[in-house]
Structures are given as C-alpha cells and as structure tokens.
C-alpha atoms as a PDB file:
ATOM      1  CA  MET A   1     -12.108 -36.696 -14.953  1.00  0.00           C
ATOM      2  CA  ASP A   2     -14.831 -34.078 -15.040  1.00  0.00           C
ATOM      3  CA  LEU A   3     -16.063 -33.989 -11.429  1.00  0.00           C
ATOM      4  CA  ASP A   4     -19.117 -31.937 -12.272  1.00  0.00           C
ATOM      5  CA  ALA A   5     -20.144 -34.423 -14.945  1.00  0.00           C
ATOM      6  CA  LEU A   6     -19.603 -37.355 -12.579  1.00  0.00           C
ATOM      7  CA  THR A   7     -21.612 -35.644  -9.849  1.00  0.00           C
ATOM      8  CA  ALA A   8     -24.480 -34.952 -12.256  1.00  0.00           C
ATOM      9  CA  ALA A   9     -24.444 -38.534 -13.495  1.00  0.00           C
ATOM     10  CA  ARG A  10     -24.320 -40.126 -10.044  1.00  0.00           C
ATOM     11  CA  ARG A  11     -26.434 -37.678  -8.044  1.00  0.00           C
ATOM     12  CA  ASP A  12     -29.573 -39.819  -8.099  1.00  0.00           C
ATOM     13  CA  GLU A  13     -27.625 -42.978  -7.224  1.00  0.00           C
ATOM     14  CA  TRP A  14     -25.934 -41.272  -4.268  1.00  0.00           C
ATOM     15  CA  ALA A  15     -29.267 -39.873  -3.104  1.00  0.00           C
ATOM     16  CA  ARG A  16     -30.730 -43.374  -3.199  1.00  0.00           C
ATOM     17  CA  LEU A  17     -27.789 -44.690  -1.174  1.00  0.00           C
ATOM     18  CA  HIS A  18     -28.423 -41.954   1.390  1.00  0.00           C
ATOM     19  CA  GLU A  19     -32.122 -42.836   1.506  1.00  0.00           C
ATOM     20  CA  LEU A  20     -31.443 -46.541   2.037  1.00  0.00           C
ATOM     21  CA  SER A  21     -28.863 -45.816   4.742  1.00  0.00           C
ATOM     22  CA  ARG A  22     -31.428 -43.907   6.771  1.00  0.00           C
ATOM     23  CA  THR A  23     -34.349 -46.287   6.309  1.00  0.00           C
ATOM     24  CA  ARG A  24     -35.193 -47.914   9.630  1.00  0.00           C
ATOM     25  CA  ARG A  25     -36.404 -51.268   8.246  1.00  0.00           C
ATOM     26  CA  LEU A  26     -35.087 -52.664   4.974  1.00  0.00           C
ATOM     27  CA  THR A  27     -36.586 -55.494   2.967  1.00  0.00           C
ATOM     28  CA  GLY A  28     -34.378 -58.226   1.537  1.00  0.00           C
ATOM     29  CA  ASP A  29     -34.341 -56.558  -1.879  1.00  0.00           C
ATOM     30  CA  GLU A  30     -33.475 -53.190  -0.326  1.00  0.00           C
ATOM     31  CA  VAL A  31     -30.541 -54.721   1.534  1.00  0.00           C
ATOM     32  CA  ASP A  32     -29.239 -56.155  -1.736  1.00  0.00           C
ATOM     33  CA  GLU A  33     -29.690 -52.761  -3.361  1.00  0.00           C
ATOM     34  CA  LEU A  34     -27.870 -51.047  -0.493  1.00  0.00           C
ATOM     35  CA  VAL A  35     -24.901 -53.397  -0.901  1.00  0.00           C
ATOM     36  CA  ALA A  36     -24.808 -52.828  -4.658  1.00  0.00           C
ATOM     37  CA  ARG A  37     -25.004 -49.054  -4.345  1.00  0.00           C
ATOM     38  CA  TYR A  38     -22.379 -49.116  -1.598  1.00  0.00           C
ATOM     39  CA  ARG A  39     -19.966 -50.905  -3.926  1.00  0.00           C
ATOM     40  CA  SER A  40     -20.775 -48.526  -6.777  1.00  0.00           C
ATOM     41  CA  ALA A  41     -20.231 -45.433  -4.595  1.00  0.00           C
ATOM     42  CA  SER A  42     -16.960 -46.916  -3.301  1.00  0.00           C
ATOM     43  CA  ALA A  43     -15.740 -47.181  -6.869  1.00  0.00           C
ATOM     44  CA  ASP A  44     -16.819 -43.586  -7.514  1.00  0.00           C
ATOM     45  CA  LEU A  45     -14.899 -42.407  -4.449  1.00  0.00           C
ATOM     46  CA  ALA A  46     -11.789 -44.264  -5.549  1.00  0.00           C
ATOM     47  CA  ASP A  47     -11.985 -42.598  -8.989  1.00  0.00           C
ATOM     48  CA  ILE A  48     -12.464 -39.158  -7.431  1.00  0.00           C
ATOM     49  CA  LYS A  49      -9.515 -39.518  -5.070  1.00  0.00           C
ATOM     50  CA  THR A  50      -7.263 -40.939  -7.768  1.00  0.00           C
ATOM     51  CA  SER A  51      -8.062 -38.177 -10.223  1.00  0.00           C
ATOM     52  CA  ALA A  52      -8.544 -35.115  -8.036  1.00  0.00           C
ATOM     53  CA  GLY A  53      -7.435 -35.908  -4.480  1.00  0.00           C
ATOM     54  CA  ARG A  54      -9.597 -34.510  -1.711  1.00  0.00           C
ATOM     55  CA  THR A  55     -12.636 -32.653  -2.987  1.00  0.00           C
ATOM     56  CA  VAL A  56     -16.040 -31.551  -1.775  1.00  0.00           C
ATOM     57  CA  GLN A  57     -17.624 -34.289  -3.878  1.00  0.00           C
ATOM     58  CA  GLY A  58     -15.284 -36.874  -2.382  1.00  0.00           C
ATOM     59  CA  ASP A  59     -16.068 -35.791   1.161  1.00  0.00           C
ATOM     60  CA  HIS A  60     -19.783 -36.045   0.410  1.00  0.00           C
ATOM     61  CA  VAL A  61     -19.470 -39.568  -0.980  1.00  0.00           C
ATOM     62  CA  SER A  62     -17.225 -40.561   1.943  1.00  0.00           C
ATOM     63  CA  THR A  63     -19.929 -39.464   4.385  1.00  0.00           C
ATOM     64  CA  LEU A  64     -22.569 -41.425   2.483  1.00  0.00           C
ATOM     65  CA  LEU A  65     -20.380 -44.531   2.536  1.00  0.00           C
ATOM     66  CA  SER A  66     -19.712 -44.163   6.240  1.00  0.00           C
ATOM     67  CA  ARG A  67     -23.433 -44.074   6.969  1.00  0.00           C
ATOM     68  CA  ALA A  68     -24.077 -47.020   4.692  1.00  0.00           C
ATOM     69  CA  ARG A  69     -21.280 -49.009   6.304  1.00  0.00           C
ATOM     70  CA  LEU A  70     -22.753 -48.417   9.753  1.00  0.00           C
ATOM     71  CA  ARG A  71     -26.152 -49.455   8.437  1.00  0.00           C
ATOM     72  CA  LEU A  72     -24.721 -52.688   7.055  1.00  0.00           C
ATOM     73  CA  THR A  73     -22.306 -53.686   9.784  1.00  0.00           C
ATOM     74  CA  GLY A  74     -23.227 -51.705  12.916  1.00  0.00           C
ATOM     75  CA  SER A  75     -25.120 -53.279  15.760  1.00  0.00           C
ATOM     76  CA  SER A  76     -26.452 -51.792  18.958  1.00  0.00           C
ATOM     77  CA  GLU A  77     -24.379 -52.600  22.002  1.00  0.00           C
ATOM     78  CA  ASN A  78     -25.763 -54.919  24.630  1.00  0.00           C
ATOM     79  CA  VAL A  79     -27.338 -52.950  27.487  1.00  0.00           C
ATOM     80  CA  VAL A  80     -25.360 -54.979  30.013  1.00  0.00           C
ATOM     81  CA  ARG A  81     -22.169 -53.696  28.372  1.00  0.00           C
ATOM     82  CA  GLN A  82     -23.438 -50.131  28.035  1.00  0.00           C
ATOM     83  CA  VAL A  83     -23.844 -49.606  31.786  1.00  0.00           C
ATOM     84  CA  PRO A  84     -20.166 -50.259  32.692  1.00  0.00           C
ATOM     85  CA  ARG A  85     -19.072 -48.115  29.745  1.00  0.00           C
ATOM     86  CA  PHE A  86     -21.318 -45.284  30.927  1.00  0.00           C
ATOM     87  CA  PHE A  87     -19.806 -45.207  34.417  1.00  0.00           C
ATOM     88  CA  ALA A  88     -16.229 -45.994  33.371  1.00  0.00           C
ATOM     89  CA  TYR A  89     -15.909 -43.650  30.389  1.00  0.00           C
ATOM     90  CA  GLN A  90     -18.892 -41.505  29.351  1.00  0.00           C
ATOM     91  CA  LEU A  91     -19.879 -40.001  32.706  1.00  0.00           C
ATOM     92  CA  PRO A  92     -16.360 -39.292  34.053  1.00  0.00           C
ATOM     93  CA  ALA A  93     -15.301 -37.831  30.684  1.00  0.00           C
ATOM     94  CA  ALA A  94     -18.311 -35.492  30.713  1.00  0.00           C
ATOM     95  CA  LEU A  95     -17.505 -34.440  34.288  1.00  0.00           C
ATOM     96  CA  TYR A  96     -13.846 -33.892  33.397  1.00  0.00           C
ATOM     97  CA  ARG A  97     -14.833 -31.443  30.653  1.00  0.00           C
ATOM     98  CA  LEU A  98     -16.493 -29.265  33.303  1.00  0.00           C
ATOM     99  CA  ARG A  99     -13.609 -29.086  35.780  1.00  0.00           C
ATOM    100  CA  TRP A 100     -12.479 -25.508  35.171  1.00  0.00           C
ATOM    101  CA  THR A 101     -15.965 -24.058  34.816  1.00  0.00           C
ATOM    102  CA  THR A 102     -16.920 -25.825  38.048  1.00  0.00           C
ATOM    103  CA  LEU A 103     -13.939 -24.241  39.813  1.00  0.00           C
ATOM    104  CA  VAL A 104     -14.891 -20.750  38.597  1.00  0.00           C
ATOM    105  CA  ILE A 105     -18.493 -21.267  39.733  1.00  0.00           C
ATOM    106  CA  ALA A 106     -17.340 -22.518  43.145  1.00  0.00           C
ATOM    107  CA  ILE A 107     -15.150 -19.458  43.677  1.00  0.00           C
ATOM    108  CA  ALA A 108     -17.932 -17.101  42.578  1.00  0.00           C
ATOM    109  CA  PHE A 109     -20.490 -18.884  44.789  1.00  0.00           C
ATOM    110  CA  ILE A 110     -18.265 -18.653  47.869  1.00  0.00           C
ATOM    111  CA  ALA A 111     -17.523 -14.994  47.113  1.00  0.00           C
ATOM    112  CA  VAL A 112     -21.213 -14.072  46.757  1.00  0.00           C
ATOM    113  CA  GLY A 113     -22.259 -16.090  49.819  1.00  0.00           C
ATOM    114  CA  SER A 114     -19.491 -14.600  51.941  1.00  0.00           C
ATOM    115  CA  LEU A 115     -20.270 -11.058  50.771  1.00  0.00           C
ATOM    116  CA  VAL A 116     -23.951 -11.462  51.659  1.00  0.00           C
ATOM    117  CA  ALA A 117     -23.137 -13.050  55.032  1.00  0.00           C
ATOM    118  CA  PHE A 118     -20.697 -10.390  56.210  1.00  0.00           C
ATOM    119  CA  TRP A 119     -22.616  -7.475  54.681  1.00  0.00           C
ATOM    120  CA  ILE A 120     -25.904  -8.381  56.395  1.00  0.00           C
ATOM    121  CA  SER A 121     -24.405  -9.540  59.698  1.00  0.00           C
ATOM    122  CA  GLY A 122     -22.379  -6.330  59.960  1.00  0.00           C
ATOM    123  CA  ASP A 123     -25.443  -4.089  59.743  1.00  0.00           C
ATOM    124  CA  PRO A 124     -28.064  -4.504  62.515  1.00  0.00           C
ATOM    125  CA  ALA A 125     -30.636  -2.711  60.368  1.00  0.00           C
ATOM    126  CA  LEU A 126     -30.284  -5.310  57.621  1.00  0.00           C
ATOM    127  CA  VAL A 127     -30.467  -8.148  60.136  1.00  0.00           C
ATOM    128  CA  ALA A 128     -33.678  -6.656  61.511  1.00  0.00           C
ATOM    129  CA  THR A 129     -35.299  -6.838  58.056  1.00  0.00           C
ATOM    130  CA  LEU A 130     -35.053 -10.655  58.201  1.00  0.00           C
ATOM    131  CA  GLY A 131     -37.450 -10.976  61.136  1.00  0.00           C
ATOM    132  CA  SER A 132     -38.057  -9.994  64.739  1.00  0.00           C
ATOM    133  CA  GLU A 133     -35.259 -10.402  67.240  1.00  0.00           C
ATOM    134  CA  ALA A 134     -37.104 -13.265  68.928  1.00  0.00           C
ATOM    135  CA  GLN A 135     -37.578 -15.079  65.614  1.00  0.00           C
ATOM    136  CA  LEU A 136     -33.967 -14.653  64.593  1.00  0.00           C
ATOM    137  CA  GLU A 137     -32.672 -15.765  67.973  1.00  0.00           C
ATOM    138  CA  GLU A 138     -34.894 -18.837  67.875  1.00  0.00           C
ATOM    139  CA  TYR A 139     -33.567 -19.640  64.399  1.00  0.00           C
ATOM    140  CA  ALA A 140     -29.948 -19.233  65.461  1.00  0.00           C
ATOM    141  CA  GLU A 141     -30.283 -21.112  68.738  1.00  0.00           C
ATOM    142  CA  ASN A 142     -32.632 -23.932  67.749  1.00  0.00           C
ATOM    143  CA  ASN A 143     -34.258 -23.993  64.336  1.00  0.00           C
ATOM    144  CA  PHE A 144     -31.068 -24.129  62.285  1.00  0.00           C
ATOM    145  CA  THR A 145     -29.730 -27.219  64.044  1.00  0.00           C
ATOM    146  CA  ASP A 146     -33.141 -28.838  64.662  1.00  0.00           C
ATOM    147  CA  TYR A 147     -33.764 -28.836  60.909  1.00  0.00           C
ATOM    148  CA  TYR A 148     -31.346 -31.762  60.542  1.00  0.00           C
ATOM    149  CA  SER A 149     -33.028 -33.934  63.172  1.00  0.00           C
ATOM    150  CA  GLU A 150     -36.730 -33.035  63.255  1.00  0.00           C
ATOM    151  CA  ASN A 151     -37.618 -35.819  60.782  1.00  0.00           C
ATOM    152  CA  PRO A 152     -36.544 -39.475  60.620  1.00  0.00           C
ATOM    153  CA  ALA A 153     -33.100 -39.744  59.026  1.00  0.00           C
ATOM    154  CA  ALA A 154     -34.249 -41.829  56.059  1.00  0.00           C
ATOM    155  CA  VAL A 155     -37.153 -39.501  55.273  1.00  0.00           C
ATOM    156  CA  PHE A 156     -34.968 -36.407  55.605  1.00  0.00           C
ATOM    157  CA  ALA A 157     -32.209 -37.902  53.422  1.00  0.00           C
ATOM    158  CA  GLY A 158     -34.745 -38.810  50.734  1.00  0.00           C
ATOM    159  CA  THR A 159     -36.312 -35.367  50.820  1.00  0.00           C
ATOM    160  CA  VAL A 160     -33.078 -33.417  50.446  1.00  0.00           C
ATOM    161  CA  TRP A 161     -31.882 -35.867  47.784  1.00  0.00           C
ATOM    162  CA  THR A 162     -34.920 -35.409  45.546  1.00  0.00           C
ATOM    163  CA  ASN A 163     -34.925 -31.639  46.079  1.00  0.00           C
ATOM    164  CA  ASN A 164     -31.250 -31.242  45.218  1.00  0.00           C
ATOM    165  CA  ALA A 165     -31.474 -33.670  42.289  1.00  0.00           C
ATOM    166  CA  TRP A 166     -34.332 -31.588  40.862  1.00  0.00           C
ATOM    167  CA  ILE A 167     -32.274 -28.404  41.239  1.00  0.00           C
ATOM    168  CA  ALA A 168     -29.320 -30.031  39.464  1.00  0.00           C
ATOM    169  CA  ALA A 169     -31.553 -31.357  36.681  1.00  0.00           C
ATOM    170  CA  GLN A 170     -33.006 -27.887  36.126  1.00  0.00           C
ATOM    171  CA  CYS A 171     -29.534 -26.404  35.750  1.00  0.00           C
ATOM    172  CA  VAL A 172     -28.676 -28.925  33.044  1.00  0.00           C
ATOM    173  CA  LEU A 173     -31.996 -29.195  31.214  1.00  0.00           C
ATOM    174  CA  PHE A 174     -32.689 -25.447  31.175  1.00  0.00           C
ATOM    175  CA  GLY A 175     -29.044 -24.548  30.641  1.00  0.00           C
ATOM    176  CA  ILE A 176     -29.748 -23.581  27.042  1.00  0.00           C
ATOM    177  CA  THR A 177     -31.413 -20.413  28.339  1.00  0.00           C
ATOM    178  CA  GLY A 178     -28.128 -19.219  29.814  1.00  0.00           C
ATOM    179  CA  PHE A 179     -29.784 -17.353  32.675  1.00  0.00           C
ATOM    180  CA  TRP A 180     -31.394 -20.314  34.472  1.00  0.00           C
ATOM    181  CA  PRO A 181     -28.216 -21.911  35.887  1.00  0.00           C
ATOM    182  CA  VAL A 182     -26.939 -18.475  36.903  1.00  0.00           C
ATOM    183  CA  MET A 183     -30.246 -17.641  38.601  1.00  0.00           C
ATOM    184  CA  VAL A 184     -30.273 -20.931  40.531  1.00  0.00           C
ATOM    185  CA  LEU A 185     -26.684 -20.523  41.658  1.00  0.00           C
ATOM    186  CA  VAL A 186     -27.138 -16.895  42.714  1.00  0.00           C
ATOM    187  CA  GLN A 187     -30.337 -17.701  44.619  1.00  0.00           C
ATOM    188  CA  ASN A 188     -28.609 -20.510  46.491  1.00  0.00           C
ATOM    189  CA  ALA A 189     -25.554 -18.367  47.246  1.00  0.00           C
ATOM    190  CA  ILE A 190     -27.770 -15.610  48.662  1.00  0.00           C
ATOM    191  CA  GLY A 191     -29.778 -18.162  50.659  1.00  0.00           C
ATOM    192  CA  VAL A 192     -26.675 -19.706  52.186  1.00  0.00           C
ATOM    193  CA  GLY A 193     -25.214 -16.253  52.847  1.00  0.00           C
ATOM    194  CA  THR A 194     -28.395 -15.057  54.545  1.00  0.00           C
ATOM    195  CA  ALA A 195     -28.520 -18.083  56.844  1.00  0.00           C
ATOM    196  CA  ALA A 196     -24.857 -17.538  57.683  1.00  0.00           C
ATOM    197  CA  ALA A 197     -25.545 -13.854  58.391  1.00  0.00           C
ATOM    198  CA  ILE A 198     -28.187 -14.714  61.010  1.00  0.00           C
ATOM    199  CA  MET A 199     -25.858 -17.198  62.681  1.00  0.00           C
ATOM    200  CA  LEU A 200     -22.946 -14.737  62.637  1.00  0.00           C
ATOM    201  CA  ALA A 201     -25.097 -11.943  64.053  1.00  0.00           C
ATOM    202  CA  HIS A 202     -25.852 -14.175  67.044  1.00  0.00           C
ATOM    203  CA  GLY A 203     -22.292 -15.385  67.547  1.00  0.00           C
ATOM    204  CA  ARG A 204     -22.912 -18.872  66.119  1.00  0.00           C
ATOM    205  CA  GLY A 205     -20.920 -18.752  62.918  1.00  0.00           C
ATOM    206  CA  ASP A 206     -18.950 -21.800  64.024  1.00  0.00           C
ATOM    207  CA  VAL A 207     -22.172 -23.806  64.400  1.00  0.00           C
ATOM    208  CA  PHE A 208     -23.186 -22.805  60.882  1.00  0.00           C
ATOM    209  CA  LEU A 209     -19.946 -24.153  59.406  1.00  0.00           C
ATOM    210  CA  LEU A 210     -19.972 -27.320  61.476  1.00  0.00           C
ATOM    211  CA  TYR A 211     -23.489 -28.214  60.344  1.00  0.00           C
ATOM    212  CA  ILE A 212     -23.006 -27.199  56.694  1.00  0.00           C
ATOM    213  CA  LEU A 213     -19.643 -28.782  55.930  1.00  0.00           C
ATOM    214  CA  PRO A 214     -20.321 -32.515  56.431  1.00  0.00           C
ATOM    215  CA  HIS A 215     -22.882 -32.737  53.630  1.00  0.00           C
ATOM    216  CA  GLY A 216     -22.361 -29.362  51.958  1.00  0.00           C
ATOM    217  CA  LEU A 217     -18.931 -30.191  50.563  1.00  0.00           C
ATOM    218  CA  LEU A 218     -20.331 -32.737  48.115  1.00  0.00           C
ATOM    219  CA  GLU A 219     -23.821 -31.278  47.812  1.00  0.00           C
ATOM    220  CA  LEU A 220     -22.672 -27.817  46.741  1.00  0.00           C
ATOM    221  CA  THR A 221     -19.962 -29.233  44.476  1.00  0.00           C
ATOM    222  CA  SER A 222     -22.648 -31.261  42.684  1.00  0.00           C
ATOM    223  CA  ILE A 223     -24.745 -28.130  42.185  1.00  0.00           C
ATOM    224  CA  PHE A 224     -21.671 -26.311  40.843  1.00  0.00           C
ATOM    225  CA  VAL A 225     -21.105 -29.122  38.341  1.00  0.00           C
ATOM    226  CA  ALA A 226     -24.757 -28.992  37.263  1.00  0.00           C
ATOM    227  CA  GLY A 227     -24.488 -25.246  36.718  1.00  0.00           C
ATOM    228  CA  ALA A 228     -21.305 -25.734  34.686  1.00  0.00           C
ATOM    229  CA  ALA A 229     -23.023 -28.351  32.493  1.00  0.00           C
ATOM    230  CA  GLY A 230     -25.937 -26.016  31.826  1.00  0.00           C
ATOM    231  CA  LEU A 231     -23.629 -23.150  30.869  1.00  0.00           C
ATOM    232  CA  HIS A 232     -21.633 -25.404  28.538  1.00  0.00           C
ATOM    233  CA  ILE A 233     -24.840 -26.369  26.749  1.00  0.00           C
ATOM    234  CA  PHE A 234     -25.722 -22.677  26.436  1.00  0.00           C
ATOM    235  CA  TRP A 235     -22.275 -21.882  25.044  1.00  0.00           C
ATOM    236  CA  ALA A 236     -22.523 -24.703  22.486  1.00  0.00           C
ATOM    237  CA  TRP A 237     -25.559 -22.874  21.107  1.00  0.00           C
ATOM    238  CA  VAL A 238     -23.934 -19.432  21.234  1.00  0.00           C
ATOM    239  CA  ALA A 239     -20.559 -20.450  19.768  1.00  0.00           C
ATOM    240  CA  PRO A 240     -21.021 -23.647  17.735  1.00  0.00           C
ATOM    241  CA  GLY A 241     -17.725 -23.343  15.907  1.00  0.00           C
ATOM    242  CA  ARG A 242     -17.693 -24.924  12.452  1.00  0.00           C
ATOM    243  CA  ARG A 243     -20.783 -27.006  13.129  1.00  0.00           C
ATOM    244  CA  THR A 244     -24.349 -25.791  12.809  1.00  0.00           C
ATOM    245  CA  ARG A 245     -26.010 -24.644  16.021  1.00  0.00           C
ATOM    246  CA  GLY A 246     -28.287 -27.652  15.928  1.00  0.00           C
ATOM    247  CA  GLU A 247     -25.411 -30.124  15.620  1.00  0.00           C
ATOM    248  CA  SER A 248     -23.358 -28.380  18.299  1.00  0.00           C
ATOM    249  CA  LEU A 249     -26.308 -28.217  20.679  1.00  0.00           C
ATOM    250  CA  ALA A 250     -27.208 -31.864  20.059  1.00  0.00           C
ATOM    251  CA  ALA A 251     -23.652 -33.033  20.778  1.00  0.00           C
ATOM    252  CA  ALA A 252     -23.409 -30.941  23.955  1.00  0.00           C
ATOM    253  CA  GLY A 253     -26.858 -32.011  25.099  1.00  0.00           C
ATOM    254  CA  ARG A 254     -26.122 -35.707  24.597  1.00  0.00           C
ATOM    255  CA  SER A 255     -22.764 -35.610  26.360  1.00  0.00           C
ATOM    256  CA  LEU A 256     -23.712 -33.317  29.234  1.00  0.00           C
ATOM    257  CA  ALA A 257     -27.149 -34.762  29.947  1.00  0.00           C
ATOM    258  CA  THR A 258     -25.174 -37.714  31.317  1.00  0.00           C
ATOM    259  CA  VAL A 259     -24.007 -35.327  34.038  1.00  0.00           C
ATOM    260  CA  ALA A 260     -27.553 -34.916  35.328  1.00  0.00           C
ATOM    261  CA  ILE A 261     -27.826 -38.708  35.633  1.00  0.00           C
ATOM    262  CA  GLY A 262     -24.484 -38.985  37.403  1.00  0.00           C
ATOM    263  CA  LEU A 263     -25.296 -36.210  39.841  1.00  0.00           C
ATOM    264  CA  VAL A 264     -28.351 -38.135  41.003  1.00  0.00           C
ATOM    265  CA  PHE A 265     -25.939 -40.632  42.553  1.00  0.00           C
ATOM    266  CA  ALA A 266     -23.592 -37.975  43.953  1.00  0.00           C
ATOM    267  CA  LEU A 267     -26.505 -36.139  45.542  1.00  0.00           C
ATOM    268  CA  ALA A 268     -27.849 -39.406  46.933  1.00  0.00           C
ATOM    269  CA  LEU A 269     -24.527 -39.806  48.749  1.00  0.00           C
ATOM    270  CA  SER A 270     -24.624 -36.235  50.076  1.00  0.00           C
ATOM    271  CA  GLY A 271     -28.239 -36.824  51.138  1.00  0.00           C
ATOM    272  CA  ILE A 272     -27.190 -39.890  53.113  1.00  0.00           C
ATOM    273  CA  VAL A 273     -24.480 -37.833  54.821  1.00  0.00           C
ATOM    274  CA  GLU A 274     -26.954 -35.032  55.576  1.00  0.00           C
ATOM    275  CA  GLY A 275     -29.591 -37.411  56.893  1.00  0.00           C
ATOM    276  CA  PHE A 276     -27.454 -39.872  58.824  1.00  0.00           C
ATOM    277  CA  VAL A 277     -24.258 -37.986  59.741  1.00  0.00           C
ATOM    278  CA  THR A 278     -24.796 -34.221  60.104  1.00  0.00           C
ATOM    279  CA  ALA A 279     -27.154 -34.415  63.097  1.00  0.00           C
ATOM    280  CA  GLN A 280     -25.273 -37.190  64.909  1.00  0.00           C
ATOM    281  CA  PRO A 281     -23.626 -36.359  68.276  1.00  0.00           C
ATOM    282  CA  TRP A 282     -20.230 -37.465  66.966  1.00  0.00           C
ATOM    283  CA  PRO A 283     -16.989 -35.483  67.165  1.00  0.00           C
ATOM    284  CA  TRP A 284     -16.954 -32.817  64.494  1.00  0.00           C
ATOM    285  CA  PRO A 285     -13.654 -34.017  62.950  1.00  0.00           C
ATOM    286  CA  VAL A 286     -15.341 -37.358  62.311  1.00  0.00           C
ATOM    287  CA  LYS A 287     -18.424 -35.828  60.685  1.00  0.00           C
ATOM    288  CA  ILE A 288     -16.496 -33.347  58.584  1.00  0.00           C
ATOM    289  CA  GLY A 289     -14.009 -36.103  57.713  1.00  0.00           C
ATOM    290  CA  ILE A 290     -16.840 -38.257  56.340  1.00  0.00           C
ATOM    291  CA  GLY A 291     -18.023 -35.351  54.215  1.00  0.00           C
ATOM    292  CA  ALA A 292     -14.481 -34.696  53.011  1.00  0.00           C
ATOM    293  CA  LEU A 293     -14.056 -38.354  52.048  1.00  0.00           C
ATOM    294  CA  ALA A 294     -17.292 -38.235  50.050  1.00  0.00           C
ATOM    295  CA  LEU A 295     -16.068 -35.127  48.215  1.00  0.00           C
ATOM    296  CA  ALA A 296     -12.636 -36.685  47.650  1.00  0.00           C
ATOM    297  CA  ALA A 297     -14.221 -39.782  46.091  1.00  0.00           C
ATOM    298  CA  PHE A 298     -16.236 -37.588  43.723  1.00  0.00           C
ATOM    299  CA  LEU A 299     -13.205 -35.490  42.751  1.00  0.00           C
ATOM    300  CA  VAL A 300     -11.072 -38.585  42.107  1.00  0.00           C
ATOM    301  CA  TYR A 301     -13.822 -39.931  39.862  1.00  0.00           C
ATOM    302  CA  MET A 302     -14.175 -36.583  38.082  1.00  0.00           C
ATOM    303  CA  LEU A 303     -10.495 -35.699  37.666  1.00  0.00           C
ATOM    304  CA  VAL A 304      -8.548 -38.968  37.689  1.00  0.00           C
ATOM    305  CA  VAL A 305     -11.012 -41.404  36.108  1.00  0.00           C
ATOM    306  CA  GLY A 306     -12.399 -38.619  33.928  1.00  0.00           C
ATOM    307  CA  GLY A 307      -8.937 -37.524  32.812  1.00  0.00           C
ATOM    308  CA  ARG A 308      -8.085 -41.095  31.837  1.00  0.00           C
ATOM    309  CA  ALA A 309     -11.319 -41.392  29.849  1.00  0.00           C
ATOM    310  CA  ALA A 310     -10.710 -38.042  28.133  1.00  0.00           C
ATOM    311  CA  ARG A 311      -7.239 -39.150  27.039  1.00  0.00           C
ATOM    312  CA  ARG A 312      -8.898 -42.145  25.388  1.00  0.00           C
ATOM    313  CA  GLY A 313     -10.899 -39.718  23.290  1.00  0.00           C
ATOM    314  CA  GLU A 314     -14.142 -39.896  25.272  1.00  0.00           C
ATOM    315  CA  THR A 315     -16.278 -36.772  25.545  1.00  0.00           C
ATOM    316  CA  GLY A 316     -19.353 -38.190  27.226  1.00  0.00           C
ATOM    317  CA  ASP A 317     -21.229 -38.327  23.928  1.00  0.00           C
ATOM    318  CA  LEU A 318     -22.808 -41.437  22.422  1.00  0.00           C
ATOM    319  CA  THR A 319     -20.867 -43.690  20.091  1.00  0.00           C
ATOM    320  CA  GLU A 320     -21.021 -42.942  16.369  1.00  0.00           C
ATOM    321  CA  TYR A 321     -23.412 -45.817  15.785  1.00  0.00           C
ATOM    322  CA  GLU A 322     -25.765 -44.577  18.508  1.00  0.00           C
ATOM    323  CA  SER A 323     -25.707 -40.898  17.499  1.00  0.00           C
ATOM    324  CA  GLY A 324     -25.279 -41.233  13.750  1.00  0.00           C
ATOM    325  CA  THR A 325     -22.428 -40.358  11.402  1.00  0.00           C
ATOM    326  CA  PRO A 326     -21.200 -36.802  11.951  1.00  0.00           C
ATOM    327  CA  THR A 327     -21.297 -34.330   9.109  1.00  0.00           C
ATOM    328  CA  LEU A 328     -17.876 -33.443   7.691  1.00  0.00           C
ATOM    329  CA  VAL A 329     -16.851 -29.803   7.914  1.00  0.00           C
ATOM    330  CA  ALA A 330     -14.053 -27.963   6.176  1.00  0.00           C
ATOM    331  CA  GLY A 331     -10.841 -27.475   8.151  1.00  0.00           C
END
C-alpha cells in the first residue's frame, strides 16, 4: 500500500471526521455522517496497520477515531458522582504529586524564618529599627497574644480563613510567573521570623511557639502546598517535555487548580483552630495536640489517600471525556 497516496485520497474525509467530532451540536444527518465516516476511517486504520504497522498516518487516524468515539459514546458524569470522585481521587492525587516539593519548601521556610528571628533578636540595633522600646515591649507582652482574642472567635476564624485562602489561591493562580509563589513564601517567612525576633528579644520565645503551633501546623503546611502547586505549574511551562507548552500548562493547571479548592477546606479547619482553640485557657498540650491532629489528618489524606489514588493512575486532572482526547506524541 502506498501510504502517501492513501493519505492524499482520504485527507478530506479525515478532516471532515475531525470537524464533526468537535462540533458541539450535531443534527440527525450529521450524526449519521459521523458514524459513516467513523466506520470508513476504522477501515483505513486497519489497512494501514496491516500493511505498514505503526506509522505517523496511523497514529493520526487513531487520534481522530478516539475523538469520534468519545463524541458518539461519551457522556458527562453526573455531578452527584463527580463530587465523591473529586475528594476520593482527584484532589488527594494532586496533593500527593506535591509531597516532595512541599517538604523542600517547608525546610526552606523554617530556615529563613529561623535565620531572621535569631539574626534580628541577637542584635539590639536591629531590634530597635522595628519600633520604640515601649512599642516592642507592648507587642511582646500584650499585643501578640491579644490578637487571638480581641475579636469574637467566629469573626476571627472567618477573617483568617479568607485571608489565608486568598494567599493560597494567589500562589496557585499566579504560579505561572514563577516568582509570585516564592515572593509570597519569603514574605511570610520574614514576617514570622520578625515576630519571633521581637518575642525572643523580650524573653518570650516560648509564648511565640505556644501561640503559633496550634493553628500554624496546618495553616503553614497549606501555604507550603499552595506554593508547591504554583511552582509545578511554572515548571510545566518551562519544561513541557514532549508536549507543547500549551498542552503541558493546561494539564498542570487543570490538575493543580484542584489544590486551591482543596486548600480552602484545609485552611477553614486551621481557621477554626486559630479562632476557637489558640486563645483558649486550656493546657498547652491539649491545644497543640488539637493542631497536631488536624495536621495529621491532612497528611494522611495527602500521603495515604493520595498515594492510593496515584497508584490507580490518577493525577488530579480531568477525565479524558472532560478534557478532550490527548494528542499523541512520539516516544
């Protein structure tokens, strides 16, 4: 068989099949035509494979047939079924993909925050640049702890939740820039380190940790995950592999945008802990234990449930019917 001759003879028919497969609404006659052209292209593919094995022309026809088959037989999944699938497979699989990047970010964040805290607190001149002695002492003795109780618990929890959710969303949505997640993380590390420096300079480093840990364990971990998602989206654009940059970026954006949605719930939990637990006059082991349990639940979901979903082949991306047939690439 002359593949070039076959391709020239069938090019218009294959193009029509492609056009019908991508048409949103088909008339009755167009559906009949789609079925007929699907059968014709299937016969062409069989001839190509029988005569020449795997070829570029065969891969092209196979892709056209796959799209046509989805157009003929695919159906959108019921929304009621999509929600359990999202939380059981898509979201944990997307989180699982970020586990090592999240760990690197966490280590870097702690290192930067600790460096800032000990560097500033160890130099009285640097401490003095943060405010007058009276202002700093008032912050260390009262303002830092009063922050967690000066507003009603529900209002405070809602405020910190929306603020942190917006920060996480920025890291993911503007991750394509590369610098935005890094900037947000560095700013937060310096902010935490500066607050710690003031507390350390006034001998209240223990109070800083006791008030930060109950909610901060989950809250900061969520921000680390958001930063990791943003950087993964950036890297999909920088190093797309065998796919085009557009295809790589679209796949990463679809799969990792789910992380921003999931973190809304994680940050809601940390907000509840910050609003209703941190300021309570309970024993510190109880308060920190509650925060640790919240973090443990998130990590089990991310690593255990996510690992199970990843082994099933989930990546966090949409199904093939929802996202469209992928383009075949060599190798």
